[in-house]
N, C-alpha and C. Protein backbone atom coordinates (compact mmCIF):
# COMPACT_ATOMS: atom_id res chain seq x y z
N MET A 1 224.33 180.95 123.00
CA MET A 1 223.25 181.30 122.09
C MET A 1 221.95 181.54 122.85
N ASP A 2 221.74 180.79 123.90
CA ASP A 2 220.53 181.00 124.70
C ASP A 2 220.52 182.37 125.35
N ASN A 3 221.69 182.87 125.64
CA ASN A 3 221.81 184.18 126.25
C ASN A 3 221.32 185.27 125.31
N THR A 4 221.58 185.15 124.00
CA THR A 4 221.12 186.14 123.02
C THR A 4 219.60 186.12 122.90
N LEU A 5 219.02 184.95 122.93
CA LEU A 5 217.56 184.87 122.85
C LEU A 5 216.92 185.54 124.06
N ASP A 6 217.52 185.36 125.21
CA ASP A 6 216.97 185.99 126.40
C ASP A 6 217.03 187.51 126.30
N LYS A 7 218.13 188.03 125.74
CA LYS A 7 218.23 189.49 125.58
C LYS A 7 217.19 190.00 124.59
N ARG A 8 216.95 189.24 123.53
CA ARG A 8 215.93 189.65 122.53
C ARG A 8 214.53 189.63 123.15
N ASP A 9 214.26 188.59 123.92
CA ASP A 9 212.95 188.49 124.56
C ASP A 9 212.73 189.65 125.55
N ARG A 10 213.78 189.97 126.31
CA ARG A 10 213.68 191.07 127.25
C ARG A 10 213.49 192.40 126.51
N ALA A 11 214.19 192.57 125.41
CA ALA A 11 214.07 193.81 124.64
C ALA A 11 212.67 193.92 124.03
N ALA A 12 212.12 192.80 123.57
CA ALA A 12 210.77 192.82 123.00
C ALA A 12 209.73 193.11 124.07
N ALA A 13 209.94 192.63 125.27
CA ALA A 13 208.99 192.85 126.36
C ALA A 13 209.04 194.30 126.83
N ASP A 14 210.17 194.94 126.70
CA ASP A 14 210.31 196.33 127.14
C ASP A 14 209.89 197.33 126.08
N THR A 15 209.62 196.88 124.87
CA THR A 15 209.26 197.77 123.78
C THR A 15 207.81 198.22 123.94
N PRO A 16 207.51 199.52 123.83
CA PRO A 16 206.12 199.98 123.90
C PRO A 16 205.32 199.48 122.69
N TRP A 17 204.01 199.39 122.86
CA TRP A 17 203.18 198.79 121.82
C TRP A 17 203.23 199.56 120.51
N TRP A 18 203.40 200.86 120.54
CA TRP A 18 203.38 201.63 119.30
C TRP A 18 204.67 201.47 118.49
N ARG A 19 205.68 200.83 119.07
CA ARG A 19 206.93 200.60 118.36
C ARG A 19 206.97 199.23 117.68
N ILE A 20 205.93 198.42 117.88
CA ILE A 20 205.87 197.09 117.29
C ILE A 20 205.14 197.19 115.95
N ARG A 21 205.79 196.81 114.87
CA ARG A 21 205.25 196.97 113.52
C ARG A 21 203.99 196.14 113.30
N MET A 22 203.93 194.95 113.88
CA MET A 22 202.76 194.09 113.69
C MET A 22 201.49 194.73 114.25
N MET A 23 201.61 195.49 115.33
CA MET A 23 200.44 196.17 115.90
C MET A 23 199.88 197.19 114.92
N TRP A 24 200.73 197.87 114.17
CA TRP A 24 200.26 198.84 113.20
C TRP A 24 199.57 198.16 112.04
N LEU A 25 199.99 196.93 111.70
CA LEU A 25 199.27 196.18 110.67
C LEU A 25 197.88 195.77 111.16
N VAL A 26 197.80 195.40 112.42
CA VAL A 26 196.50 194.99 113.00
C VAL A 26 195.58 196.19 113.15
N ILE A 27 196.09 197.30 113.63
CA ILE A 27 195.28 198.49 113.88
C ILE A 27 195.07 199.31 112.60
N GLY A 28 196.04 199.27 111.70
CA GLY A 28 196.02 200.13 110.51
C GLY A 28 194.84 199.89 109.59
N GLY A 29 194.50 198.63 109.31
CA GLY A 29 193.39 198.34 108.39
C GLY A 29 192.06 198.92 108.88
N PRO A 30 191.62 198.56 110.09
CA PRO A 30 190.37 199.13 110.58
C PRO A 30 190.42 200.65 110.74
N LEU A 31 191.57 201.19 111.08
CA LEU A 31 191.70 202.64 111.22
C LEU A 31 191.49 203.33 109.87
N VAL A 32 192.03 202.78 108.81
CA VAL A 32 191.84 203.34 107.47
C VAL A 32 190.36 203.30 107.09
N VAL A 33 189.68 202.22 107.42
CA VAL A 33 188.26 202.09 107.09
C VAL A 33 187.43 203.12 107.85
N VAL A 34 187.73 203.34 109.11
CA VAL A 34 186.98 204.33 109.91
C VAL A 34 187.21 205.74 109.36
N VAL A 35 188.44 206.06 109.02
CA VAL A 35 188.73 207.38 108.45
C VAL A 35 188.01 207.56 107.12
N ALA A 36 188.02 206.52 106.28
CA ALA A 36 187.32 206.60 104.99
C ALA A 36 185.81 206.77 105.19
N ALA A 37 185.25 206.15 106.21
CA ALA A 37 183.82 206.30 106.49
C ALA A 37 183.49 207.73 106.88
N PHE A 38 184.34 208.35 107.69
CA PHE A 38 184.10 209.74 108.07
C PHE A 38 184.27 210.69 106.88
N VAL A 39 185.22 210.40 106.01
CA VAL A 39 185.38 211.22 104.79
C VAL A 39 184.15 211.09 103.91
N THR A 40 183.64 209.88 103.76
CA THR A 40 182.42 209.66 102.97
C THR A 40 181.23 210.36 103.60
N LEU A 41 181.11 210.30 104.92
CA LEU A 41 180.01 210.98 105.61
C LEU A 41 180.10 212.49 105.40
N ALA A 42 181.30 213.04 105.51
CA ALA A 42 181.47 214.49 105.30
C ALA A 42 181.10 214.88 103.88
N ALA A 43 181.49 214.08 102.90
CA ALA A 43 181.15 214.37 101.50
C ALA A 43 179.65 214.27 101.28
N ALA A 44 179.00 213.30 101.91
CA ALA A 44 177.55 213.13 101.75
C ALA A 44 176.78 214.28 102.41
N LEU A 45 177.26 214.75 103.54
CA LEU A 45 176.58 215.86 104.20
C LEU A 45 176.85 217.19 103.52
N ARG A 46 178.04 217.33 102.96
CA ARG A 46 178.40 218.59 102.33
C ARG A 46 177.76 218.75 100.94
N HIS A 47 177.60 217.65 100.21
CA HIS A 47 177.06 217.69 98.85
C HIS A 47 175.92 216.67 98.72
N PRO A 48 174.75 216.95 99.29
CA PRO A 48 173.65 215.97 99.20
C PRO A 48 173.09 215.91 97.77
N ASP A 49 172.53 214.77 97.45
CA ASP A 49 171.90 214.62 96.15
C ASP A 49 170.61 215.44 96.11
N PRO A 50 170.31 216.06 94.97
CA PRO A 50 169.08 216.85 94.89
C PRO A 50 167.85 215.94 94.87
N VAL A 51 166.77 216.45 95.43
CA VAL A 51 165.51 215.72 95.41
C VAL A 51 164.89 215.90 94.03
N LEU A 52 164.54 214.79 93.40
CA LEU A 52 163.97 214.85 92.06
C LEU A 52 162.45 214.96 92.17
N SER A 53 161.90 215.75 91.31
CA SER A 53 160.46 215.92 91.27
C SER A 53 159.83 214.69 90.61
N THR A 54 158.72 214.22 91.19
CA THR A 54 158.02 213.09 90.59
C THR A 54 156.87 213.54 89.71
N ALA A 55 156.68 214.86 89.63
CA ALA A 55 155.61 215.38 88.79
C ALA A 55 155.99 215.19 87.32
N PRO A 56 155.04 214.72 86.52
CA PRO A 56 155.36 214.51 85.10
C PRO A 56 155.56 215.85 84.38
N VAL A 57 156.46 215.86 83.43
CA VAL A 57 156.70 217.04 82.62
C VAL A 57 155.61 217.11 81.57
N ALA A 58 155.07 218.28 81.37
CA ALA A 58 153.98 218.45 80.42
C ALA A 58 154.42 218.03 79.02
N GLY A 59 153.68 217.14 78.40
CA GLY A 59 153.95 216.73 77.04
C GLY A 59 154.98 215.61 76.92
N SER A 60 155.53 215.13 78.03
CA SER A 60 156.54 214.08 77.97
C SER A 60 155.90 212.74 78.32
N THR A 61 156.06 211.78 77.45
CA THR A 61 155.52 210.44 77.70
C THR A 61 156.64 209.40 77.73
N ALA A 62 157.88 209.84 77.85
CA ALA A 62 159.01 208.92 77.80
C ALA A 62 159.03 207.99 79.01
N ASP A 63 158.59 208.47 80.16
CA ASP A 63 158.63 207.65 81.38
C ASP A 63 157.33 206.89 81.62
N THR A 64 156.37 207.04 80.80
CA THR A 64 155.06 206.43 81.04
C THR A 64 155.13 204.92 81.23
N PRO A 65 155.79 204.14 80.38
CA PRO A 65 155.83 202.69 80.62
C PRO A 65 156.52 202.33 81.95
N ALA A 66 157.57 203.04 82.30
CA ALA A 66 158.27 202.74 83.55
C ALA A 66 157.40 203.09 84.75
N VAL A 67 156.69 204.19 84.68
CA VAL A 67 155.82 204.60 85.78
C VAL A 67 154.67 203.61 85.92
N GLN A 68 154.11 203.18 84.82
CA GLN A 68 153.02 202.21 84.89
C GLN A 68 153.50 200.88 85.47
N ALA A 69 154.67 200.45 85.08
CA ALA A 69 155.20 199.19 85.61
C ALA A 69 155.49 199.31 87.10
N ARG A 70 156.03 200.43 87.51
CA ARG A 70 156.32 200.63 88.93
C ARG A 70 155.02 200.63 89.73
N ASN A 71 154.03 201.33 89.23
CA ASN A 71 152.75 201.40 89.94
C ASN A 71 152.07 200.04 89.96
N HIS A 72 152.21 199.27 88.88
CA HIS A 72 151.60 197.94 88.83
C HIS A 72 152.29 197.01 89.83
N ALA A 73 153.61 197.11 89.95
CA ALA A 73 154.34 196.25 90.87
C ALA A 73 154.04 196.61 92.31
N ALA A 74 153.73 197.85 92.58
CA ALA A 74 153.46 198.28 93.95
C ALA A 74 152.01 198.09 94.35
N THR A 75 151.14 197.77 93.41
CA THR A 75 149.72 197.59 93.71
C THR A 75 149.50 196.22 94.35
N PRO A 76 148.83 196.17 95.50
CA PRO A 76 148.60 194.85 96.13
C PRO A 76 147.60 194.03 95.30
N GLN A 77 147.75 192.71 95.42
CA GLN A 77 146.86 191.79 94.69
C GLN A 77 145.48 191.82 95.32
N ARG A 78 144.45 191.64 94.51
CA ARG A 78 143.07 191.66 95.02
C ARG A 78 142.60 190.29 95.39
């Protein structure tokens, strides 16, 4: 029986790293994350969000309370 274990150990030592399934589990997770990051970067560069105008629309007062609150929060204390 010890002879079989020795053959298995020798076979495992001679196996290249890309043939070991556990290595793909270790490398696979981070590799998927890096690929997803590049896909996200490509999508962000290809379809950027439009710049919104901060100029008020004539006759619209719907944003007035929000704008006043934002300006009040950004004003330093005296």
